[in-house]
PDB file of all heavy atoms in Angstrom:
ATOM      1  N   PRO A   1       2.613  -7.041   3.048  1.00  0.00           N
ATOM      2  CA  PRO A   1       3.891  -6.885   3.758  1.00  0.00           C
ATOM      3  C   PRO A   1       4.794  -5.928   2.981  1.00  0.00           C
ATOM      4  O   PRO A   1       4.874  -5.995   1.755  1.00  0.00           O
ATOM      5  CB  PRO A   1       4.475  -8.305   3.784  1.00  0.00           C
ATOM      6  CG  PRO A   1       3.343  -9.216   3.418  1.00  0.00           C
ATOM      7  CD  PRO A   1       2.441  -8.408   2.537  1.00  0.00           C
ATOM      8  N   MET A   2       5.484  -5.054   3.711  1.00  0.00           N
ATOM      9  CA  MET A   2       6.349  -4.068   3.068  1.00  0.00           C
ATOM     10  C   MET A   2       7.685  -3.990   3.788  1.00  0.00           C
ATOM     11  O   MET A   2       7.721  -3.928   5.020  1.00  0.00           O
ATOM     12  CB  MET A   2       5.706  -2.674   3.079  1.00  0.00           C
ATOM     13  CG  MET A   2       4.428  -2.548   2.282  1.00  0.00           C
ATOM     14  SD  MET A   2       3.784  -0.859   2.355  1.00  0.00           S
ATOM     15  CE  MET A   2       2.369  -0.990   1.251  1.00  0.00           C
ATOM     16  N   TYR A   3       8.758  -3.977   3.009  1.00  0.00           N
ATOM     17  CA  TYR A   3      10.091  -3.761   3.565  1.00  0.00           C
ATOM     18  C   TYR A   3      10.899  -2.930   2.583  1.00  0.00           C
ATOM     19  O   TYR A   3      11.204  -3.385   1.483  1.00  0.00           O
ATOM     20  CB  TYR A   3      10.792  -5.100   3.840  1.00  0.00           C
ATOM     21  CG  TYR A   3      12.199  -4.930   4.371  1.00  0.00           C
ATOM     22  CD1 TYR A   3      12.423  -4.339   5.614  1.00  0.00           C
ATOM     23  CD2 TYR A   3      13.293  -5.323   3.624  1.00  0.00           C
ATOM     24  CE1 TYR A   3      13.699  -4.160   6.101  1.00  0.00           C
ATOM     25  CE2 TYR A   3      14.583  -5.150   4.093  1.00  0.00           C
ATOM     26  CZ  TYR A   3      14.781  -4.567   5.343  1.00  0.00           C
ATOM     27  OH  TYR A   3      16.058  -4.390   5.818  1.00  0.00           O
ATOM     28  N   ASN A   4      11.191  -1.697   2.978  1.00  0.00           N
ATOM     29  CA  ASN A   4      11.948  -0.768   2.127  1.00  0.00           C
ATOM     30  C   ASN A   4      11.320  -0.642   0.747  1.00  0.00           C
ATOM     31  O   ASN A   4      11.973  -0.820  -0.286  1.00  0.00           O
ATOM     32  CB  ASN A   4      13.403  -1.220   2.008  1.00  0.00           C
ATOM     33  CG  ASN A   4      14.163  -1.081   3.316  1.00  0.00           C
ATOM     34  OD1 ASN A   4      13.714  -0.424   4.255  1.00  0.00           O
ATOM     35  ND2 ASN A   4      15.320  -1.709   3.398  1.00  0.00           N
ATOM     36  N   GLU A   5      10.030  -0.297   0.723  1.00  0.00           N
ATOM     37  CA  GLU A   5       9.290  -0.219  -0.537  1.00  0.00           C
ATOM     38  C   GLU A   5       8.876   1.212  -0.867  1.00  0.00           C
ATOM     39  O   GLU A   5       7.878   1.437  -1.548  1.00  0.00           O
ATOM     40  CB  GLU A   5       8.040  -1.105  -0.463  1.00  0.00           C
ATOM     41  CG  GLU A   5       8.317  -2.590  -0.342  1.00  0.00           C
ATOM     42  CD  GLU A   5       8.823  -3.214  -1.633  1.00  0.00           C
ATOM     43  OE1 GLU A   5       9.086  -2.459  -2.591  1.00  0.00           O
ATOM     44  OE2 GLU A   5       8.967  -4.448  -1.683  1.00  0.00           O
ATOM     45  N   GLU A   6       9.637   2.208  -0.409  1.00  0.00           N
ATOM     46  CA  GLU A   6       9.233   3.591  -0.635  1.00  0.00           C
ATOM     47  C   GLU A   6       9.110   3.934  -2.125  1.00  0.00           C
ATOM     48  O   GLU A   6       8.266   4.745  -2.514  1.00  0.00           O
ATOM     49  CB  GLU A   6      10.223   4.542   0.034  1.00  0.00           C
ATOM     50  CG  GLU A   6      11.641   4.457  -0.504  1.00  0.00           C
ATOM     51  CD  GLU A   6      12.570   5.480   0.130  1.00  0.00           C
ATOM     52  OE1 GLU A   6      12.082   6.258   0.964  1.00  0.00           O
ATOM     53  OE2 GLU A   6      13.767   5.499  -0.209  1.00  0.00           O
ATOM     54  N   ALA A   7       9.918   3.305  -2.962  1.00  0.00           N
ATOM     55  CA  ALA A   7       9.889   3.646  -4.383  1.00  0.00           C
ATOM     56  C   ALA A   7       8.622   3.166  -5.074  1.00  0.00           C
ATOM     57  O   ALA A   7       8.189   3.751  -6.075  1.00  0.00           O
ATOM     58  CB  ALA A   7      11.119   3.052  -5.079  1.00  0.00           C
ATOM     59  N   VAL A   8       8.001   2.114  -4.544  1.00  0.00           N
ATOM     60  CA  VAL A   8       6.863   1.512  -5.241  1.00  0.00           C
ATOM     61  C   VAL A   8       5.516   1.943  -4.658  1.00  0.00           C
ATOM     62  O   VAL A   8       4.474   1.740  -5.293  1.00  0.00           O
ATOM     63  CB  VAL A   8       6.979  -0.028  -5.202  1.00  0.00           C
ATOM     64  CG1 VAL A   8       6.501  -0.597  -3.875  1.00  0.00           C
ATOM     65  CG2 VAL A   8       6.207  -0.673  -6.352  1.00  0.00           C
ATOM     66  N   ILE A   9       5.500   2.549  -3.492  1.00  0.00           N
ATOM     67  CA  ILE A   9       4.232   2.860  -2.820  1.00  0.00           C
ATOM     68  C   ILE A   9       3.333   3.777  -3.643  1.00  0.00           C
ATOM     69  O   ILE A   9       2.128   3.511  -3.780  1.00  0.00           O
ATOM     70  CB  ILE A   9       4.496   3.436  -1.416  1.00  0.00           C
ATOM     71  CG1 ILE A   9       4.977   2.316  -0.486  1.00  0.00           C
ATOM     72  CG2 ILE A   9       3.235   4.085  -0.837  1.00  0.00           C
ATOM     73  CD1 ILE A   9       5.343   2.778   0.905  1.00  0.00           C
ATOM     74  N   PRO A  10       3.826   4.880  -4.223  1.00  0.00           N
ATOM     75  CA  PRO A  10       2.919   5.716  -5.032  1.00  0.00           C
ATOM     76  C   PRO A  10       2.275   4.958  -6.180  1.00  0.00           C
ATOM     77  O   PRO A  10       1.081   5.123  -6.461  1.00  0.00           O
ATOM     78  CB  PRO A  10       3.841   6.836  -5.541  1.00  0.00           C
ATOM     79  CG  PRO A  10       4.959   6.891  -4.557  1.00  0.00           C
ATOM     80  CD  PRO A  10       5.176   5.483  -4.121  1.00  0.00           C
ATOM     81  N   VAL A  11       3.055   4.105  -6.847  1.00  0.00           N
ATOM     82  CA  VAL A  11       2.508   3.318  -7.959  1.00  0.00           C
ATOM     83  C   VAL A  11       1.503   2.298  -7.439  1.00  0.00           C
ATOM     84  O   VAL A  11       0.455   2.060  -8.045  1.00  0.00           O
ATOM     85  CB  VAL A  11       3.642   2.616  -8.731  1.00  0.00           C
ATOM     86  CG1 VAL A  11       3.091   1.914  -9.969  1.00  0.00           C
ATOM     87  CG2 VAL A  11       4.730   3.598  -9.103  1.00  0.00           C
ATOM     88  N   LEU A  12       1.813   1.683  -6.306  1.00  0.00           N
ATOM     89  CA  LEU A  12       0.921   0.686  -5.712  1.00  0.00           C
ATOM     90  C   LEU A  12      -0.424   1.299  -5.359  1.00  0.00           C
ATOM     91  O   LEU A  12      -1.489   0.747  -5.686  1.00  0.00           O
ATOM     92  CB  LEU A  12       1.581   0.089  -4.466  1.00  0.00           C
ATOM     93  CG  LEU A  12       0.707  -0.816  -3.599  1.00  0.00           C
ATOM     94  CD1 LEU A  12       0.345  -2.097  -4.337  1.00  0.00           C
ATOM     95  CD2 LEU A  12       1.417  -1.142  -2.278  1.00  0.00           C
ATOM     96  N   VAL A  13      -0.407   2.445  -4.703  1.00  0.00           N
ATOM     97  CA  VAL A  13      -1.655   3.103  -4.300  1.00  0.00           C
ATOM     98  C   VAL A  13      -2.468   3.512  -5.522  1.00  0.00           C
ATOM     99  O   VAL A  13      -3.689   3.314  -5.578  1.00  0.00           O
ATOM    100  CB  VAL A  13      -1.350   4.315  -3.405  1.00  0.00           C
ATOM    101  CG1 VAL A  13      -2.620   5.126  -3.149  1.00  0.00           C
ATOM    102  CG2 VAL A  13      -0.739   3.862  -2.086  1.00  0.00           C
ATOM    103  N   ALA A  14      -1.788   4.078  -6.521  1.00  0.00           N
ATOM    104  CA  ALA A  14      -2.488   4.536  -7.720  1.00  0.00           C
ATOM    105  C   ALA A  14      -3.141   3.388  -8.482  1.00  0.00           C
ATOM    106  O   ALA A  14      -4.163   3.584  -9.151  1.00  0.00           O
ATOM    107  CB  ALA A  14      -1.510   5.281  -8.635  1.00  0.00           C
ATOM    108  N   ARG A  15      -2.603   2.206  -8.351  1.00  0.00           N
ATOM    109  CA  ARG A  15      -3.150   1.062  -9.094  1.00  0.00           C
ATOM    110  C   ARG A  15      -4.118   0.237  -8.259  1.00  0.00           C
ATOM    111  O   ARG A  15      -5.101  -0.293  -8.792  1.00  0.00           O
ATOM    112  CB  ARG A  15      -1.998   0.186  -9.569  1.00  0.00           C
ATOM    113  CG  ARG A  15      -2.422  -0.925 -10.505  1.00  0.00           C
ATOM    114  CD  ARG A  15      -1.231  -1.551 -11.160  1.00  0.00           C
ATOM    115  NE  ARG A  15      -1.578  -2.765 -11.890  1.00  0.00           N
ATOM    116  CZ  ARG A  15      -0.707  -3.571 -12.467  1.00  0.00           C
ATOM    117  NH1 ARG A  15       0.584  -3.272 -12.421  1.00  0.00           N
ATOM    118  NH2 ARG A  15      -1.109  -4.645 -13.110  1.00  0.00           N
ATOM    119  N   LEU A  16      -3.842   0.102  -6.957  1.00  0.00           N
ATOM    120  CA  LEU A  16      -4.674  -0.759  -6.111  1.00  0.00           C
ATOM    121  C   LEU A  16      -5.995  -0.104  -5.734  1.00  0.00           C
ATOM    122  O   LEU A  16      -7.044  -0.761  -5.730  1.00  0.00           O
ATOM    123  CB  LEU A  16      -3.894  -1.139  -4.853  1.00  0.00           C
ATOM    124  CG  LEU A  16      -4.627  -1.995  -3.818  1.00  0.00           C
ATOM    125  CD1 LEU A  16      -5.015  -3.353  -4.402  1.00  0.00           C
ATOM    126  CD2 LEU A  16      -3.757  -2.196  -2.571  1.00  0.00           C
ATOM    127  N   ARG A  17      -5.980   1.180  -5.416  1.00  0.00           N
ATOM    128  CA  ARG A  17      -7.196   1.818  -4.917  1.00  0.00           C
ATOM    129  C   ARG A  17      -8.356   1.779  -5.916  1.00  0.00           C
ATOM    130  O   ARG A  17      -9.484   1.444  -5.535  1.00  0.00           O
ATOM    131  CB  ARG A  17      -6.905   3.255  -4.492  1.00  0.00           C
ATOM    132  CG  ARG A  17      -8.112   3.922  -3.851  1.00  0.00           C
ATOM    133  CD  ARG A  17      -7.791   5.280  -3.286  1.00  0.00           C
ATOM    134  NE  ARG A  17      -8.952   5.842  -2.605  1.00  0.00           N
ATOM    135  CZ  ARG A  17      -8.954   7.022  -1.994  1.00  0.00           C
ATOM    136  NH1 ARG A  17      -7.847   7.765  -1.977  1.00  0.00           N
ATOM    137  NH2 ARG A  17     -10.048   7.459  -1.399  1.00  0.00           N
ATOM    138  N   PRO A  18      -8.150   2.095  -7.205  1.00  0.00           N
ATOM    139  CA  PRO A  18      -9.285   2.010  -8.148  1.00  0.00           C
ATOM    140  C   PRO A  18      -9.874   0.608  -8.244  1.00  0.00           C
ATOM    141  O   PRO A  18     -11.099   0.456  -8.400  1.00  0.00           O
ATOM    142  CB  PRO A  18      -8.666   2.446  -9.480  1.00  0.00           C
ATOM    143  CG  PRO A  18      -7.482   3.264  -9.111  1.00  0.00           C
ATOM    144  CD  PRO A  18      -6.946   2.648  -7.863  1.00  0.00           C
ATOM    145  N   VAL A  19      -9.028  -0.413  -8.136  1.00  0.00           N
ATOM    146  CA  VAL A  19      -9.527  -1.788  -8.192  1.00  0.00           C
ATOM    147  C   VAL A  19     -10.442  -2.071  -7.015  1.00  0.00           C
ATOM    148  O   VAL A  19     -11.549  -2.600  -7.176  1.00  0.00           O
ATOM    149  CB  VAL A  19      -8.346  -2.786  -8.206  1.00  0.00           C
ATOM    150  CG1 VAL A  19      -8.858  -4.220  -8.068  1.00  0.00           C
ATOM    151  CG2 VAL A  19      -7.540  -2.639  -9.483  1.00  0.00           C
ATOM    152  N   LEU A  20     -10.011  -1.714  -5.817  1.00  0.00           N
ATOM    153  CA  LEU A  20     -10.810  -2.000  -4.619  1.00  0.00           C
ATOM    154  C   LEU A  20     -12.068  -1.138  -4.557  1.00  0.00           C
ATOM    155  O   LEU A  20     -13.132  -1.615  -4.134  1.00  0.00           O
ATOM    156  CB  LEU A  20      -9.954  -1.795  -3.367  1.00  0.00           C
ATOM    157  CG  LEU A  20      -8.714  -2.704  -3.253  1.00  0.00           C
ATOM    158  CD1 LEU A  20      -7.943  -2.409  -1.966  1.00  0.00           C
ATOM    159  CD2 LEU A  20      -9.111  -4.172  -3.296  1.00  0.00           C
ATOM    160  N   ASP A  21     -11.967   0.114  -4.982  1.00  0.00           N
ATOM    161  CA  ASP A  21     -13.160   0.981  -4.977  1.00  0.00           C
ATOM    162  C   ASP A  21     -14.228   0.464  -5.931  1.00  0.00           C
ATOM    163  O   ASP A  21     -15.432   0.643  -5.692  1.00  0.00           O
ATOM    164  CB  ASP A  21     -12.766   2.410  -5.373  1.00  0.00           C
ATOM    165  CG  ASP A  21     -12.010   3.134  -4.264  1.00  0.00           C
ATOM    166  OD1 ASP A  21     -12.066   2.677  -3.104  1.00  0.00           O
ATOM    167  OD2 ASP A  21     -11.345   4.137  -4.570  1.00  0.00           O
ATOM    168  N   SER A  22     -13.798  -0.195  -7.011  1.00  0.00           N
ATOM    169  CA  SER A  22     -14.755  -0.679  -8.003  1.00  0.00           C
ATOM    170  C   SER A  22     -15.467  -1.959  -7.569  1.00  0.00           C
ATOM    171  O   SER A  22     -16.429  -2.378  -8.229  1.00  0.00           O
ATOM    172  CB  SER A  22     -14.047  -0.921  -9.334  1.00  0.00           C
ATOM    173  OG  SER A  22     -13.142  -2.020  -9.233  1.00  0.00           O
ATOM    174  N   LEU A  23     -15.014  -2.577  -6.480  1.00  0.00           N
ATOM    175  CA  LEU A  23     -15.619  -3.835  -6.040  1.00  0.00           C
ATOM    176  C   LEU A  23     -16.961  -3.625  -5.349  1.00  0.00           C
ATOM    177  O   LEU A  23     -17.730  -4.570  -5.168  1.00  0.00           O
ATOM    178  CB  LEU A  23     -14.664  -4.578  -5.096  1.00  0.00           C
ATOM    179  CG  LEU A  23     -13.339  -5.048  -5.703  1.00  0.00           C
ATOM    180  CD1 LEU A  23     -12.479  -5.727  -4.636  1.00  0.00           C
ATOM    181  CD2 LEU A  23     -13.584  -6.006  -6.857  1.00  0.00           C
ATOM    182  N   ASP A  24     -17.245  -2.416  -4.915  1.00  0.00           N
ATOM    183  CA  ASP A  24     -18.512  -2.097  -4.253  1.00  0.00           C
ATOM    184  C   ASP A  24     -18.727  -2.932  -2.996  1.00  0.00           C
ATOM    185  O   ASP A  24     -19.817  -3.463  -2.759  1.00  0.00           O
ATOM    186  CB  ASP A  24     -19.688  -2.277  -5.232  1.00  0.00           C
ATOM    187  CG  ASP A  24     -20.955  -1.601  -4.713  1.00  0.00           C
ATOM    188  OD1 ASP A  24     -20.826  -0.637  -3.936  1.00  0.00           O
ATOM    189  OD2 ASP A  24     -22.053  -2.067  -5.057  1.00  0.00           O
ATOM    190  N   VAL A  25     -17.649  -3.089  -2.198  1.00  0.00           N
ATOM    191  CA  VAL A  25     -17.731  -3.781  -0.913  1.00  0.00           C
ATOM    192  C   VAL A  25     -16.955  -2.978   0.115  1.00  0.00           C
ATOM    193  O   VAL A  25     -16.079  -2.172  -0.226  1.00  0.00           O
ATOM    194  CB  VAL A  25     -17.147  -5.216  -0.991  1.00  0.00           C
ATOM    195  CG1 VAL A  25     -17.932  -6.074  -1.960  1.00  0.00           C
ATOM    196  CG2 VAL A  25     -15.667  -5.192  -1.355  1.00  0.00           C
ATOM    197  N   GLU A  26     -17.273  -3.187   1.381  1.00  0.00           N
ATOM    198  CA  GLU A  26     -16.492  -2.583   2.463  1.00  0.00           C
ATOM    199  C   GLU A  26     -15.136  -3.287   2.521  1.00  0.00           C
ATOM    200  O   GLU A  26     -15.078  -4.517   2.559  1.00  0.00           O
ATOM    201  CB  GLU A  26     -17.223  -2.730   3.794  1.00  0.00           C
ATOM    202  CG  GLU A  26     -18.498  -1.916   3.900  1.00  0.00           C
ATOM    203  CD  GLU A  26     -18.220  -0.425   3.973  1.00  0.00           C
ATOM    204  OE1 GLU A  26     -17.141  -0.052   4.486  1.00  0.00           O
ATOM    205  OE2 GLU A  26     -19.062   0.355   3.479  1.00  0.00           O
ATOM    206  N   TYR A  27     -14.057  -2.513   2.508  1.00  0.00           N
ATOM    207  CA  TYR A  27     -12.739  -3.136   2.496  1.00  0.00           C
ATOM    208  C   TYR A  27     -11.763  -2.352   3.363  1.00  0.00           C
ATOM    209  O   TYR A  27     -12.013  -1.202   3.745  1.00  0.00           O
ATOM    210  CB  TYR A  27     -12.209  -3.242   1.067  1.00  0.00           C
ATOM    211  CG  TYR A  27     -11.802  -1.924   0.438  1.00  0.00           C
ATOM    212  CD1 TYR A  27     -10.512  -1.404   0.638  1.00  0.00           C
ATOM    213  CD2 TYR A  27     -12.679  -1.201  -0.356  1.00  0.00           C
ATOM    214  CE1 TYR A  27     -10.125  -0.201   0.074  1.00  0.00           C
ATOM    215  CE2 TYR A  27     -12.298  -0.006  -0.928  1.00  0.00           C
ATOM    216  CZ  TYR A  27     -11.025   0.497  -0.715  1.00  0.00           C
ATOM    217  OH  TYR A  27     -10.655   1.686  -1.274  1.00  0.00           O
ATOM    218  N   GLU A  28     -10.658  -2.986   3.654  1.00  0.00           N
ATOM    219  CA  GLU A  28      -9.535  -2.340   4.311  1.00  0.00           C
ATOM    220  C   GLU A  28      -8.242  -2.835   3.659  1.00  0.00           C
ATOM    221  O   GLU A  28      -8.190  -3.953   3.147  1.00  0.00           O
ATOM    222  CB  GLU A  28      -9.501  -2.664   5.817  1.00  0.00           C
ATOM    223  CG  GLU A  28      -9.252  -4.135   6.124  1.00  0.00           C
ATOM    224  CD  GLU A  28      -9.032  -4.413   7.604  1.00  0.00           C
ATOM    225  OE1 GLU A  28      -8.996  -3.459   8.403  1.00  0.00           O
ATOM    226  OE2 GLU A  28      -8.881  -5.608   7.953  1.00  0.00           O
ATOM    227  N   VAL A  29      -7.226  -1.999   3.673  1.00  0.00           N
ATOM    228  CA  VAL A  29      -5.904  -2.374   3.181  1.00  0.00           C
ATOM    229  C   VAL A  29      -4.955  -2.335   4.373  1.00  0.00           C
ATOM    230  O   VAL A  29      -4.761  -1.280   4.980  1.00  0.00           O
ATOM    231  CB  VAL A  29      -5.415  -1.432   2.072  1.00  0.00           C
ATOM    232  CG1 VAL A  29      -4.002  -1.816   1.631  1.00  0.00           C
ATOM    233  CG2 VAL A  29      -6.368  -1.470   0.882  1.00  0.00           C
ATOM    234  N   VAL A  30      -4.402  -3.491   4.724  1.00  0.00           N
ATOM    235  CA  VAL A  30      -3.529  -3.604   5.890  1.00  0.00           C
ATOM    236  C   VAL A  30      -2.088  -3.643   5.402  1.00  0.00           C
ATOM    237  O   VAL A  30      -1.595  -4.680   4.956  1.00  0.00           O
ATOM    238  CB  VAL A  30      -3.860  -4.864   6.718  1.00  0.00           C
ATOM    239  CG1 VAL A  30      -3.007  -4.912   7.984  1.00  0.00           C
ATOM    240  CG2 VAL A  30      -5.343  -4.898   7.066  1.00  0.00           C
ATOM    241  N   ALA A  31      -1.408  -2.509   5.470  1.00  0.00           N
ATOM    242  CA  ALA A  31       0.006  -2.431   5.106  1.00  0.00           C
ATOM    243  C   ALA A  31       0.844  -2.726   6.337  1.00  0.00           C
ATOM    244  O   ALA A  31       0.694  -2.061   7.369  1.00  0.00           O
ATOM    245  CB  ALA A  31       0.339  -1.050   4.551  1.00  0.00           C
ATOM    246  N   VAL A  32       1.710  -3.721   6.255  1.00  0.00           N
ATOM    247  CA  VAL A  32       2.546  -4.119   7.389  1.00  0.00           C
ATOM    248  C   VAL A  32       3.980  -3.708   7.100  1.00  0.00           C
ATOM    249  O   VAL A  32       4.639  -4.283   6.226  1.00  0.00           O
ATOM    250  CB  VAL A  32       2.467  -5.637   7.648  1.00  0.00           C
ATOM    251  CG1 VAL A  32       3.280  -6.004   8.889  1.00  0.00           C
ATOM    252  CG2 VAL A  32       1.022  -6.083   7.801  1.00  0.00           C
ATOM    253  N   ASP A  33       4.456  -2.689   7.807  1.00  0.00           N
ATOM    254  CA  ASP A  33       5.828  -2.238   7.636  1.00  0.00           C
ATOM    255  C   ASP A  33       6.750  -3.128   8.459  1.00  0.00           C
ATOM    256  O   ASP A  33       6.725  -3.109   9.686  1.00  0.00           O
ATOM    257  CB  ASP A  33       5.960  -0.784   8.079  1.00  0.00           C
ATOM    258  CG  ASP A  33       7.399  -0.299   8.011  1.00  0.00           C
ATOM    259  OD1 ASP A  33       8.058  -0.596   7.012  1.00  0.00           O
ATOM    260  OD2 ASP A  33       7.858   0.348   8.967  1.00  0.00           O
ATOM    261  N   ASP A  34       7.574  -3.895   7.765  1.00  0.00           N
ATOM    262  CA  ASP A  34       8.427  -4.895   8.413  1.00  0.00           C
ATOM    263  C   ASP A  34       9.771  -4.288   8.831  1.00  0.00           C
ATOM    264  O   ASP A  34      10.827  -4.729   8.406  1.00  0.00           O
ATOM    265  CB  ASP A  34       8.646  -6.073   7.454  1.00  0.00           C
ATOM    266  CG  ASP A  34       9.381  -7.238   8.109  1.00  0.00           C
ATOM    267  OD1 ASP A  34       9.378  -7.324   9.341  1.00  0.00           O
ATOM    268  OD2 ASP A  34       9.952  -8.059   7.366  1.00  0.00           O
ATOM    269  N   GLY A  35       9.703  -3.253   9.660  1.00  0.00           N
ATOM    270  CA  GLY A  35      10.924  -2.629  10.152  1.00  0.00           C
ATOM    271  C   GLY A  35      11.749  -1.979   9.063  1.00  0.00           C
ATOM    272  O   GLY A  35      12.984  -2.072   9.077  1.00  0.00           O
ATOM    273  N   SER A  36      11.105  -1.283   8.139  1.00  0.00           N
ATOM    274  CA  SER A  36      11.821  -0.677   7.018  1.00  0.00           C
ATOM    275  C   SER A  36      12.814   0.375   7.500  1.00  0.00           C
ATOM    276  O   SER A  36      12.558   1.100   8.477  1.00  0.00           O
ATOM    277  CB  SER A  36      10.840  -0.033   6.039  1.00  0.00           C
ATOM    278  OG  SER A  36       9.985  -1.006   5.469  1.00  0.00           O
ATOM    279  N   ALA A  37      13.933   0.481   6.777  1.00  0.00           N
ATOM    280  CA  ALA A  37      14.952   1.475   7.107  1.00  0.00           C
ATOM    281  C   ALA A  37      14.790   2.745   6.275  1.00  0.00           C
ATOM    282  O   ALA A  37      15.521   3.710   6.488  1.00  0.00           O
ATOM    283  CB  ALA A  37      16.343   0.883   6.890  1.00  0.00           C
ATOM    284  N   ASP A  38      13.846   2.753   5.332  1.00  0.00           N
ATOM    285  CA  ASP A  38      13.639   3.931   4.495  1.00  0.00           C
ATOM    286  C   ASP A  38      12.361   4.650   4.919  1.00  0.00           C
ATOM    287  O   ASP A  38      11.930   4.552   6.063  1.00  0.00           O
ATOM    288  CB  ASP A  38      13.616   3.535   3.017  1.00  0.00           C
ATOM    289  CG  ASP A  38      12.469   2.597   2.679  1.00  0.00           C
ATOM    290  OD1 ASP A  38      11.658   2.284   3.584  1.00  0.00           O
ATOM    291  OD2 ASP A  38      12.367   2.167   1.509  1.00  0.00           O
ATOM    292  N   ASP A  39      11.741   5.369   3.990  1.00  0.00           N
ATOM    293  CA  ASP A  39      10.574   6.211   4.302  1.00  0.00           C
ATOM    294  C   ASP A  39       9.249   5.498   4.056  1.00  0.00           C
ATOM    295  O   ASP A  39       8.217   6.154   3.910  1.00  0.00           O
ATOM    296  CB  ASP A  39      10.633   7.481   3.449  1.00  0.00           C
ATOM    297  CG  ASP A  39      10.387   8.731   4.284  1.00  0.00           C
ATOM    298  OD1 ASP A  39      10.515   8.655   5.513  1.00  0.00           O
ATOM    299  OD2 ASP A  39      10.067   9.780   3.690  1.00  0.00           O
ATOM    300  N   THR A  40       9.250   4.178   4.033  1.00  0.00           N
ATOM    301  CA  THR A  40       8.035   3.419   3.730  1.00  0.00           C
ATOM    302  C   THR A  40       6.883   3.783   4.652  1.00  0.00           C
ATOM    303  O   THR A  40       5.768   4.096   4.202  1.00  0.00           O
ATOM    304  CB  THR A  40       8.315   1.907   3.816  1.00  0.00           C
ATOM    305  OG1 THR A  40       9.249   1.534   2.801  1.00  0.00           O
ATOM    306  CG2 THR A  40       7.036   1.106   3.623  1.00  0.00           C
ATOM    307  N   ALA A  41       7.100   3.753   5.965  1.00  0.00           N
ATOM    308  CA  ALA A  41       6.020   4.004   6.928  1.00  0.00           C
ATOM    309  C   ALA A  41       5.460   5.414   6.791  1.00  0.00           C
ATOM    310  O   ALA A  41       4.236   5.618   6.826  1.00  0.00           O
ATOM    311  CB  ALA A  41       6.522   3.765   8.352  1.00  0.00           C
ATOM    312  N   ASN A  42       6.331   6.411   6.611  1.00  0.00           N
ATOM    313  CA  ASN A  42       5.853   7.789   6.472  1.00  0.00           C
ATOM    314  C   ASN A  42       5.041   7.977   5.206  1.00  0.00           C
ATOM    315  O   ASN A  42       4.047   8.710   5.186  1.00  0.00           O
ATOM    316  CB  ASN A  42       7.035   8.751   6.485  1.00  0.00           C
ATOM    317  CG  ASN A  42       7.590   8.965   7.885  1.00  0.00           C
ATOM    318  OD1 ASN A  42       6.881   8.813   8.872  1.00  0.00           O
ATOM    319  ND2 ASN A  42       8.868   9.296   7.955  1.00  0.00           N
TER     320      ASN A  42
END
């Protein structure tokens, strides 16, 4: 879940993606934009 999290998204992606790629399983990341007023969705 995300609400006005534009400041943390680059750090989140840089840290989360290597963890999931290393699991060697098919995965998806479901980001839910909870009506953010900033640039979170973009």
